[in-house]
Amino acid sequence: NFSNTLIKPVAFSLRYLGKDIAMKFVRLVTLVPFFIVFLWIFRDSITLSSDWRVLGLGLLAISGGYVLNLFLELVLGLTSLWIEEGYGTVMFVYLIASLFNGFLVPLSLLPKFWQQLALVLPFRFVISFPIELLMGTQSLDQSKTGFALLAVWIVVLFCLYRLVFRAGIKKYSAVGM
């Protein structure tokens, strides 16, 4: 109910953020038992870094990936102000994101050109980058470059969100509230 959201005194992005965090918290609570069982079954196969700095950076990367993904979702959702049926566009972007964030296949299995492309696209920072940090497969120097790119993408997507939101509000009209 976009029209009702617009007339409330809370910013659209903050309202979306609150709903998203609540939804993810409920999912997290329900998935924790399965995650514990999974970790126990595969305890010999999963290797995490034992360096607390790396683990802290991994948690920071997860948080940054969440923020990046949030702004990507907001931008994609707001495109529906121009496209009558935006589902196809959103699914296409999610397919591309799933390929370049390591969800469908590890990035190391992609051909070299696609690996290099994945390193600069924003999608990698949602899944692959935090996992690489937590497993200790990235050096601290490599992680500095990764965090710099993550910050750039967050700023770019935030600016794009603001631009799309402002332009969309000018175009938006509702009838029968």
Protein backbone atom coordinates (compact mmCIF):
# COMPACT_ATOMS: atom_id res chain seq x y z
CA ASN A 1 0.00 0.00 0.00
CA PHE A 2 2.36 2.62 -1.35
CA SER A 3 -0.04 5.57 -1.06
CA ASN A 4 -0.59 5.05 2.67
CA THR A 5 3.14 4.73 3.22
CA LEU A 6 3.81 8.04 1.48
CA ILE A 7 1.50 10.03 3.76
CA LYS A 8 3.03 8.70 6.99
CA PRO A 9 5.63 10.81 8.83
CA VAL A 10 8.27 8.06 8.56
CA ALA A 11 10.63 7.96 5.58
CA PHE A 12 9.76 5.26 3.04
CA SER A 13 13.22 3.67 3.27
CA LEU A 14 13.12 3.53 7.10
CA ARG A 15 9.69 1.91 7.06
CA TYR A 16 10.94 -0.66 4.55
CA LEU A 17 14.08 -1.22 6.64
CA GLY A 18 12.01 -1.83 9.79
CA LYS A 19 9.76 -4.34 8.06
CA ASP A 20 12.72 -6.09 6.46
CA ILE A 21 14.67 -6.40 9.72
CA ALA A 22 11.59 -7.77 11.50
CA MET A 23 11.00 -10.32 8.74
CA LYS A 24 14.66 -11.40 8.70
CA PHE A 25 14.68 -11.71 12.51
CA VAL A 26 11.69 -14.08 12.43
CA ARG A 27 13.37 -16.12 9.69
CA LEU A 28 16.63 -16.19 11.65
CA VAL A 29 14.91 -17.45 14.80
CA THR A 30 13.20 -20.25 12.88
CA LEU A 31 16.37 -21.21 11.01
CA VAL A 32 18.80 -21.27 13.96
CA PRO A 33 18.02 -24.90 14.93
CA PHE A 34 18.56 -26.06 11.35
CA PHE A 35 21.76 -24.02 11.12
CA ILE A 36 23.09 -25.62 14.33
CA VAL A 37 22.32 -29.11 13.01
CA PHE A 38 23.94 -28.22 9.67
CA LEU A 39 27.08 -26.97 11.42
CA TRP A 40 27.24 -30.10 13.55
CA ILE A 41 26.84 -32.45 10.56
CA PHE A 42 29.47 -30.63 8.48
CA ARG A 43 31.76 -29.57 11.36
CA ASP A 44 34.79 -31.24 9.78
CA SER A 45 34.22 -29.62 6.37
CA ILE A 46 33.62 -26.01 7.43
CA THR A 47 36.68 -23.98 8.25
CA LEU A 48 36.31 -20.49 9.62
CA SER A 49 39.15 -18.15 10.38
CA SER A 50 40.25 -18.22 14.01
CA ASP A 51 41.41 -14.58 13.90
CA TRP A 52 38.91 -12.39 15.76
CA ARG A 53 39.73 -9.42 13.53
CA VAL A 54 38.78 -11.44 10.46
CA LEU A 55 35.56 -12.65 12.11
CA GLY A 56 34.71 -9.05 13.02
CA LEU A 57 35.37 -7.96 9.44
CA GLY A 58 33.18 -10.83 8.27
CA LEU A 59 30.30 -9.59 10.40
CA LEU A 60 30.88 -6.07 9.12
CA ALA A 61 30.82 -7.41 5.55
CA ILE A 62 27.53 -9.21 6.24
CA SER A 63 26.05 -5.94 7.55
CA GLY A 64 27.37 -4.01 4.55
CA GLY A 65 26.01 -6.64 2.18
CA TYR A 66 22.63 -6.35 3.86
CA VAL A 67 22.57 -2.56 3.39
CA LEU A 68 23.70 -2.88 -0.23
CA ASN A 69 21.00 -5.48 -0.92
CA LEU A 70 18.40 -3.30 0.80
CA PHE A 71 19.11 -0.35 -1.50
CA LEU A 72 19.16 -2.66 -4.53
CA GLU A 73 15.72 -4.00 -3.54
CA LEU A 74 14.41 -0.46 -3.01
CA VAL A 75 15.63 0.68 -6.44
CA LEU A 76 14.16 -2.41 -8.12
CA GLY A 77 10.87 -2.01 -6.29
CA LEU A 78 10.58 1.64 -7.23
CA THR A 79 10.98 0.82 -10.92
CA SER A 80 7.38 -0.41 -10.72
CA LEU A 81 6.38 3.26 -10.76
CA TRP A 82 7.32 3.24 -14.46
CA ILE A 83 6.81 -0.39 -15.43
CA GLU A 84 3.30 -1.75 -15.04
CA GLU A 85 4.48 -5.30 -14.38
CA GLY A 86 7.93 -5.12 -12.78
CA TYR A 87 8.14 -8.75 -11.69
CA GLY A 88 10.07 -9.82 -14.81
CA THR A 89 12.64 -7.06 -14.35
CA VAL A 90 13.13 -7.92 -10.69
CA MET A 91 13.50 -11.64 -11.44
CA PHE A 92 16.01 -10.92 -14.21
CA VAL A 93 18.15 -8.82 -11.86
CA TYR A 94 17.88 -11.49 -9.14
CA LEU A 95 19.02 -14.13 -11.62
CA ILE A 96 22.05 -12.02 -12.56
CA ALA A 97 22.68 -11.30 -8.87
CA SER A 98 22.46 -15.01 -7.99
CA LEU A 99 25.08 -15.78 -10.61
CA PHE A 100 27.48 -13.01 -9.58
CA ASN A 101 27.09 -13.24 -5.80
CA GLY A 102 28.07 -16.90 -5.59
CA PHE A 103 24.60 -18.24 -4.79
CA LEU A 104 24.20 -20.40 -7.90
CA VAL A 105 27.83 -21.37 -8.33
CA PRO A 106 31.05 -20.41 -6.53
CA LEU A 107 32.68 -17.46 -8.29
CA SER A 108 35.93 -19.41 -8.60
CA LEU A 109 34.18 -21.78 -11.04
CA LEU A 110 33.23 -18.99 -13.45
CA PRO A 111 35.41 -18.30 -16.50
CA LYS A 112 38.15 -15.71 -15.83
CA PHE A 113 36.35 -12.85 -17.59
CA TRP A 114 33.17 -13.41 -15.56
CA GLN A 115 35.20 -13.74 -12.34
CA GLN A 116 36.81 -10.37 -13.02
CA LEU A 117 33.41 -8.84 -13.76
CA ALA A 118 31.98 -10.33 -10.55
CA LEU A 119 34.75 -8.67 -8.55
CA VAL A 120 33.53 -5.17 -9.45
CA LEU A 121 29.75 -5.70 -9.59
CA PRO A 122 27.82 -5.06 -6.37
CA PHE A 123 26.27 -8.54 -6.12
CA ARG A 124 29.39 -10.27 -4.81
CA PHE A 125 29.27 -8.26 -1.60
CA VAL A 126 25.99 -9.84 -0.51
CA ILE A 127 27.18 -13.47 -0.24
CA SER A 128 30.63 -14.23 -1.63
CA PHE A 129 32.66 -11.45 0.00
CA PRO A 130 31.47 -12.12 3.59
CA ILE A 131 32.00 -15.87 3.16
CA GLU A 132 35.51 -15.36 1.77
CA LEU A 133 36.33 -13.18 4.78
CA LEU A 134 34.89 -15.59 7.35
CA MET A 135 36.70 -18.54 5.81
CA GLY A 136 39.97 -16.61 5.79
CA THR A 137 40.51 -16.96 2.03
CA GLN A 138 41.03 -13.20 1.69
CA SER A 139 43.99 -11.36 3.15
CA LEU A 140 43.41 -8.23 5.19
CA ASP A 141 44.83 -6.17 2.29
CA GLN A 142 42.38 -7.75 -0.15
CA SER A 143 39.57 -7.07 2.29
CA LYS A 144 40.46 -3.34 2.33
CA THR A 145 39.85 -3.19 -1.41
CA GLY A 146 36.65 -5.18 -0.97
CA PHE A 147 35.35 -2.87 1.75
CA ALA A 148 36.21 0.19 -0.35
CA LEU A 149 34.22 -1.22 -3.28
CA LEU A 150 31.38 -2.19 -0.95
CA ALA A 151 31.23 1.37 0.40
CA VAL A 152 31.27 2.82 -3.14
CA TRP A 153 28.41 0.54 -4.21
CA ILE A 154 26.36 1.41 -1.11
CA VAL A 155 26.77 5.13 -1.86
CA VAL A 156 25.96 4.62 -5.56
CA LEU A 157 22.84 2.57 -4.80
CA PHE A 158 21.73 5.02 -2.10
CA CYS A 159 22.05 7.93 -4.55
CA LEU A 160 20.26 5.92 -7.22
CA TYR A 161 17.49 5.12 -4.73
CA ARG A 162 17.06 8.81 -3.86
CA LEU A 163 17.02 9.76 -7.55
CA VAL A 164 14.53 7.04 -8.51
CA PHE A 165 12.33 7.80 -5.47
CA ARG A 166 12.16 11.53 -6.19
CA ALA A 167 11.49 11.02 -9.89
CA GLY A 168 8.93 8.30 -9.13
CA ILE A 169 7.02 10.45 -6.65
CA LYS A 170 6.68 13.17 -9.26
CA LYS A 171 5.21 10.62 -11.67
CA TYR A 172 3.10 8.67 -9.15
CA SER A 173 -0.66 9.19 -8.90
CA ALA A 174 -3.27 7.32 -6.91
CA VAL A 175 -7.05 7.24 -7.18
CA GLY A 176 -9.64 6.23 -4.63
CA MET A 177 -7.75 6.44 -1.36
